[in-house]
Amino acid sequence: MDNLNTHTPGSLYETYPQETANALWNRFEFFYTPKHGNWLNMAEIELSVLTRQCLSRRIDAIDEVREEVKAWEYARNNNVAKVNGQFTTEDARMKLSRPYPTIEC
């Protein structure tokens, strides 16, 4: 679960009667995600790859979408695709041929 302010017991008590809110809150076990984590960057990259490689066209049926995603996932896992989890501004700057653009007059 992300760390939105609506993901607290108070938001349930504002929406539902006390008995219902209490029952809902006790029904789940919550795991909060780190606020600043490379895992989020990696997840976003994978979703972007999925979109570009698999879902960048119109697909009419949800069953076909499921089949396409399942095939993409199978191929991606078998190719042992990895994301480099080092995301810093220094790394990005070093990858550029010139760290900062130059203006020629």
N, C-alpha and C. Protein backbone atom coordinates (compact mmCIF):
# COMPACT_ATOMS: atom_id res chain seq x y z
N MET A 1 0.86 -1.17 0.00
CA MET A 1 0.00 0.00 0.00
C MET A 1 0.90 1.22 0.00
N ASP A 2 0.50 2.22 -0.73
CA ASP A 2 1.28 3.45 -0.71
C ASP A 2 0.93 4.26 0.53
N ASN A 3 1.54 5.38 0.67
CA ASN A 3 1.44 6.15 1.90
C ASN A 3 0.50 7.35 1.80
N LEU A 4 -0.58 7.22 1.07
CA LEU A 4 -1.54 8.31 0.98
C LEU A 4 -2.21 8.54 2.32
N ASN A 5 -2.59 9.78 2.57
CA ASN A 5 -3.23 10.09 3.84
C ASN A 5 -4.62 9.47 3.96
N THR A 6 -5.18 8.99 2.85
CA THR A 6 -6.49 8.35 2.92
C THR A 6 -6.39 6.88 3.32
N HIS A 7 -5.17 6.36 3.40
CA HIS A 7 -5.00 4.94 3.75
C HIS A 7 -4.73 4.80 5.24
N THR A 8 -5.69 5.25 6.01
CA THR A 8 -5.61 5.18 7.47
C THR A 8 -6.96 4.71 8.00
N PRO A 9 -7.00 4.25 9.23
CA PRO A 9 -8.31 3.85 9.78
C PRO A 9 -9.30 5.01 9.79
N GLY A 10 -8.81 6.22 9.98
CA GLY A 10 -9.70 7.37 10.04
C GLY A 10 -10.51 7.56 8.78
N SER A 11 -9.92 7.26 7.61
CA SER A 11 -10.67 7.43 6.37
C SER A 11 -11.82 6.44 6.27
N LEU A 12 -11.64 5.26 6.83
CA LEU A 12 -12.76 4.30 6.84
C LEU A 12 -13.87 4.76 7.78
N TYR A 13 -13.47 5.30 8.94
CA TYR A 13 -14.48 5.76 9.89
C TYR A 13 -15.22 6.99 9.39
N GLU A 14 -14.59 7.76 8.51
CA GLU A 14 -15.28 8.90 7.91
C GLU A 14 -16.27 8.47 6.85
N THR A 15 -16.02 7.30 6.24
CA THR A 15 -16.85 6.83 5.13
C THR A 15 -17.96 5.89 5.57
N TYR A 16 -17.65 5.02 6.55
CA TYR A 16 -18.59 3.98 6.97
C TYR A 16 -18.97 4.14 8.44
N PRO A 17 -20.07 3.49 8.83
CA PRO A 17 -20.40 3.45 10.25
C PRO A 17 -19.28 2.73 11.03
N GLN A 18 -19.20 3.00 12.33
CA GLN A 18 -18.10 2.49 13.14
C GLN A 18 -17.94 0.98 13.06
N GLU A 19 -19.03 0.24 13.13
CA GLU A 19 -18.94 -1.22 13.10
C GLU A 19 -18.38 -1.72 11.76
N THR A 20 -18.86 -1.14 10.67
CA THR A 20 -18.41 -1.54 9.34
C THR A 20 -16.95 -1.16 9.13
N ALA A 21 -16.59 0.05 9.53
CA ALA A 21 -15.20 0.50 9.38
C ALA A 21 -14.25 -0.37 10.18
N ASN A 22 -14.63 -0.70 11.39
CA ASN A 22 -13.80 -1.56 12.24
C ASN A 22 -13.65 -2.95 11.63
N ALA A 23 -14.74 -3.49 11.11
CA ALA A 23 -14.69 -4.82 10.48
C ALA A 23 -13.79 -4.80 9.24
N LEU A 24 -13.90 -3.75 8.45
CA LEU A 24 -13.06 -3.65 7.25
C LEU A 24 -11.58 -3.51 7.62
N TRP A 25 -11.29 -2.64 8.59
CA TRP A 25 -9.90 -2.43 8.97
C TRP A 25 -9.27 -3.70 9.52
N ASN A 26 -10.02 -4.46 10.29
CA ASN A 26 -9.49 -5.70 10.89
C ASN A 26 -9.41 -6.86 9.89
N ARG A 27 -10.04 -6.70 8.76
CA ARG A 27 -10.08 -7.77 7.76
C ARG A 27 -8.76 -7.90 7.01
N PHE A 28 -8.00 -6.83 6.92
CA PHE A 28 -6.79 -6.82 6.11
C PHE A 28 -5.54 -6.68 6.96
N GLU A 29 -4.44 -7.15 6.40
CA GLU A 29 -3.13 -6.91 6.98
C GLU A 29 -2.40 -5.97 6.03
N PHE A 30 -1.99 -4.83 6.50
CA PHE A 30 -1.43 -3.81 5.64
C PHE A 30 0.10 -3.82 5.68
N PHE A 31 0.68 -3.66 4.52
CA PHE A 31 2.12 -3.53 4.37
C PHE A 31 2.37 -2.23 3.62
N TYR A 32 2.97 -1.29 4.28
CA TYR A 32 3.22 0.01 3.66
C TYR A 32 4.55 -0.02 2.91
N THR A 33 4.57 0.63 1.79
CA THR A 33 5.77 0.67 0.96
C THR A 33 6.65 1.84 1.38
N PRO A 34 7.95 1.73 1.12
CA PRO A 34 8.83 2.86 1.45
C PRO A 34 8.44 4.09 0.63
N LYS A 35 8.61 5.25 1.23
CA LYS A 35 8.25 6.48 0.53
C LYS A 35 9.22 6.78 -0.61
N HIS A 36 10.47 6.44 -0.43
CA HIS A 36 11.48 6.73 -1.44
C HIS A 36 12.22 5.43 -1.74
N GLY A 37 11.81 4.75 -2.80
CA GLY A 37 12.47 3.48 -3.09
C GLY A 37 12.68 3.27 -4.57
N ASN A 38 13.79 2.66 -4.89
CA ASN A 38 14.07 2.35 -6.29
C ASN A 38 13.09 1.33 -6.84
N TRP A 39 12.44 0.56 -5.97
CA TRP A 39 11.48 -0.43 -6.45
C TRP A 39 10.38 0.24 -7.27
N LEU A 40 10.00 1.46 -6.89
CA LEU A 40 8.95 2.16 -7.62
C LEU A 40 9.44 2.54 -9.01
N ASN A 41 10.67 3.00 -9.11
CA ASN A 41 11.24 3.32 -10.42
C ASN A 41 11.28 2.08 -11.30
N MET A 42 11.70 0.96 -10.72
CA MET A 42 11.79 -0.28 -11.49
C MET A 42 10.41 -0.77 -11.94
N ALA A 43 9.43 -0.64 -11.06
CA ALA A 43 8.07 -1.04 -11.43
C ALA A 43 7.54 -0.17 -12.57
N GLU A 44 7.79 1.13 -12.50
CA GLU A 44 7.34 2.03 -13.55
C GLU A 44 8.04 1.72 -14.88
N ILE A 45 9.31 1.38 -14.82
CA ILE A 45 10.04 1.01 -16.04
C ILE A 45 9.45 -0.24 -16.65
N GLU A 46 9.18 -1.25 -15.83
CA GLU A 46 8.59 -2.49 -16.34
C GLU A 46 7.22 -2.24 -16.96
N LEU A 47 6.41 -1.41 -16.33
CA LEU A 47 5.10 -1.09 -16.90
C LEU A 47 5.24 -0.35 -18.22
N SER A 48 6.24 0.51 -18.31
CA SER A 48 6.49 1.22 -19.56
C SER A 48 6.92 0.25 -20.66
N VAL A 49 7.78 -0.70 -20.32
CA VAL A 49 8.22 -1.72 -21.29
C VAL A 49 7.02 -2.55 -21.73
N LEU A 50 6.20 -2.96 -20.79
CA LEU A 50 4.99 -3.73 -21.12
C LEU A 50 4.11 -2.95 -22.09
N THR A 51 3.91 -1.68 -21.82
CA THR A 51 3.06 -0.86 -22.68
C THR A 51 3.64 -0.75 -24.08
N ARG A 52 4.96 -0.47 -24.18
CA ARG A 52 5.58 -0.30 -25.49
C ARG A 52 5.66 -1.61 -26.26
N GLN A 53 5.98 -2.70 -25.60
CA GLN A 53 6.20 -3.96 -26.31
C GLN A 53 4.92 -4.77 -26.53
N CYS A 54 3.93 -4.55 -25.73
CA CYS A 54 2.77 -5.46 -25.77
C CYS A 54 1.43 -4.75 -25.95
N LEU A 55 1.26 -3.62 -25.32
CA LEU A 55 -0.07 -3.00 -25.27
C LEU A 55 -0.18 -1.71 -26.05
N SER A 56 0.71 -1.49 -27.00
CA SER A 56 0.70 -0.21 -27.72
C SER A 56 -0.25 -0.21 -28.91
N ARG A 57 -1.19 -1.09 -28.90
CA ARG A 57 -2.18 -1.16 -29.97
C ARG A 57 -3.56 -1.42 -29.36
N ARG A 58 -4.57 -1.26 -30.15
CA ARG A 58 -5.93 -1.51 -29.66
C ARG A 58 -6.19 -3.01 -29.62
N ILE A 59 -6.64 -3.47 -28.46
CA ILE A 59 -7.02 -4.87 -28.29
C ILE A 59 -8.46 -4.87 -27.81
N ASP A 60 -9.32 -5.54 -28.55
CA ASP A 60 -10.76 -5.44 -28.30
C ASP A 60 -11.26 -6.27 -27.12
N ALA A 61 -10.68 -7.42 -26.86
CA ALA A 61 -11.22 -8.33 -25.85
C ALA A 61 -10.27 -8.44 -24.67
N ILE A 62 -10.83 -8.43 -23.46
CA ILE A 62 -10.02 -8.54 -22.24
C ILE A 62 -9.28 -9.87 -22.19
N ASP A 63 -9.89 -10.93 -22.72
CA ASP A 63 -9.21 -12.23 -22.74
C ASP A 63 -7.95 -12.18 -23.61
N GLU A 64 -8.03 -11.44 -24.69
CA GLU A 64 -6.86 -11.30 -25.57
C GLU A 64 -5.76 -10.49 -24.87
N VAL A 65 -6.16 -9.47 -24.11
CA VAL A 65 -5.19 -8.68 -23.34
C VAL A 65 -4.48 -9.59 -22.34
N ARG A 66 -5.26 -10.41 -21.64
CA ARG A 66 -4.66 -11.33 -20.66
C ARG A 66 -3.68 -12.29 -21.31
N GLU A 67 -4.05 -12.83 -22.47
CA GLU A 67 -3.17 -13.75 -23.18
C GLU A 67 -1.89 -13.04 -23.64
N GLU A 68 -2.02 -11.84 -24.17
CA GLU A 68 -0.86 -11.08 -24.63
C GLU A 68 0.09 -10.76 -23.48
N VAL A 69 -0.47 -10.31 -22.36
CA VAL A 69 0.36 -9.98 -21.20
C VAL A 69 1.02 -11.23 -20.64
N LYS A 70 0.30 -12.33 -20.60
CA LYS A 70 0.87 -13.58 -20.11
C LYS A 70 2.03 -14.03 -21.00
N ALA A 71 1.88 -13.93 -22.30
CA ALA A 71 2.95 -14.30 -23.23
C ALA A 71 4.13 -13.35 -23.09
N TRP A 72 3.87 -12.07 -22.94
CA TRP A 72 4.95 -11.09 -22.76
C TRP A 72 5.70 -11.37 -21.47
N GLU A 73 4.96 -11.64 -20.40
CA GLU A 73 5.57 -11.92 -19.10
C GLU A 73 6.44 -13.18 -19.17
N TYR A 74 5.95 -14.21 -19.83
CA TYR A 74 6.71 -15.44 -19.97
C TYR A 74 8.01 -15.19 -20.72
N ALA A 75 7.92 -14.46 -21.84
CA ALA A 75 9.12 -14.16 -22.63
C ALA A 75 10.09 -13.28 -21.84
N ARG A 76 9.56 -12.29 -21.14
CA ARG A 76 10.41 -11.37 -20.36
C ARG A 76 11.13 -12.12 -19.25
N ASN A 77 10.44 -13.01 -18.57
CA ASN A 77 11.05 -13.78 -17.48
C ASN A 77 12.08 -14.78 -18.02
N ASN A 78 11.79 -15.40 -19.16
CA ASN A 78 12.73 -16.36 -19.73
C ASN A 78 13.99 -15.69 -20.28
N ASN A 79 13.88 -14.44 -20.69
CA ASN A 79 15.05 -13.69 -21.15
C ASN A 79 15.84 -13.11 -19.99
N VAL A 80 15.34 -13.32 -18.78
CA VAL A 80 15.95 -12.81 -17.55
C VAL A 80 16.25 -11.31 -17.70
N ALA A 81 15.23 -10.59 -18.12
CA ALA A 81 15.36 -9.14 -18.28
C ALA A 81 15.55 -8.51 -16.91
N LYS A 82 16.47 -7.56 -16.83
CA LYS A 82 16.76 -6.91 -15.55
C LYS A 82 16.71 -5.40 -15.73
N VAL A 83 16.44 -4.74 -14.64
CA VAL A 83 16.47 -3.29 -14.58
C VAL A 83 17.61 -2.91 -13.66
N ASN A 84 18.47 -2.00 -14.12
CA ASN A 84 19.55 -1.52 -13.28
C ASN A 84 18.94 -0.63 -12.21
N GLY A 85 19.02 -1.03 -10.96
CA GLY A 85 18.37 -0.32 -9.87
C GLY A 85 19.16 0.82 -9.30
N GLN A 86 20.06 1.39 -10.05
CA GLN A 86 20.85 2.51 -9.56
C GLN A 86 20.38 3.78 -10.24
N PHE A 87 19.54 4.52 -9.56
CA PHE A 87 18.97 5.71 -10.12
C PHE A 87 19.43 6.92 -9.33
N THR A 88 20.47 7.55 -9.78
CA THR A 88 20.92 8.77 -9.15
C THR A 88 21.18 9.80 -10.23
N THR A 89 21.15 11.04 -9.86
CA THR A 89 21.40 12.09 -10.85
C THR A 89 22.84 12.02 -11.32
N GLU A 90 23.76 11.59 -10.48
CA GLU A 90 25.16 11.48 -10.88
C GLU A 90 25.31 10.42 -11.97
N ASP A 91 24.63 9.26 -11.82
CA ASP A 91 24.69 8.22 -12.85
C ASP A 91 24.14 8.74 -14.17
N ALA A 92 23.02 9.43 -14.11
CA ALA A 92 22.40 9.93 -15.33
C ALA A 92 23.30 10.96 -16.01
N ARG A 93 23.92 11.81 -15.21
CA ARG A 93 24.79 12.84 -15.77
C ARG A 93 26.02 12.21 -16.41
N MET A 94 26.56 11.16 -15.82
CA MET A 94 27.76 10.52 -16.35
C MET A 94 27.47 9.78 -17.65
N LYS A 95 26.24 9.38 -17.88
CA LYS A 95 25.89 8.66 -19.10
C LYS A 95 25.78 9.59 -20.30
N LEU A 96 25.61 10.86 -20.05
CA LEU A 96 25.52 11.82 -21.14
C LEU A 96 26.92 12.08 -21.70
N SER A 97 26.98 12.36 -22.99
CA SER A 97 28.29 12.67 -23.57
C SER A 97 28.82 13.99 -23.02
N ARG A 98 27.93 14.93 -22.83
CA ARG A 98 28.26 16.19 -22.17
C ARG A 98 27.28 16.37 -21.02
N PRO A 99 27.78 16.61 -19.83
CA PRO A 99 26.87 16.73 -18.69
C PRO A 99 25.84 17.85 -18.86
N TYR A 100 26.25 18.96 -19.46
CA TYR A 100 25.33 20.07 -19.61
C TYR A 100 25.38 20.56 -21.06
N PRO A 101 24.27 20.96 -21.62
CA PRO A 101 24.28 21.43 -23.01
C PRO A 101 25.04 22.75 -23.14
N THR A 102 25.62 22.93 -24.30
CA THR A 102 26.32 24.19 -24.56
C THR A 102 25.53 24.96 -25.60
N ILE A 103 25.56 26.26 -25.48
CA ILE A 103 24.86 27.13 -26.43
C ILE A 103 25.92 27.76 -27.32
N GLU A 104 25.78 27.55 -28.59
CA GLU A 104 26.73 28.14 -29.54
C GLU A 104 26.07 29.34 -30.20
N CYS A 105 26.76 30.49 -30.19
CA CYS A 105 26.21 31.70 -30.78
C CYS A 105 26.84 31.98 -32.11
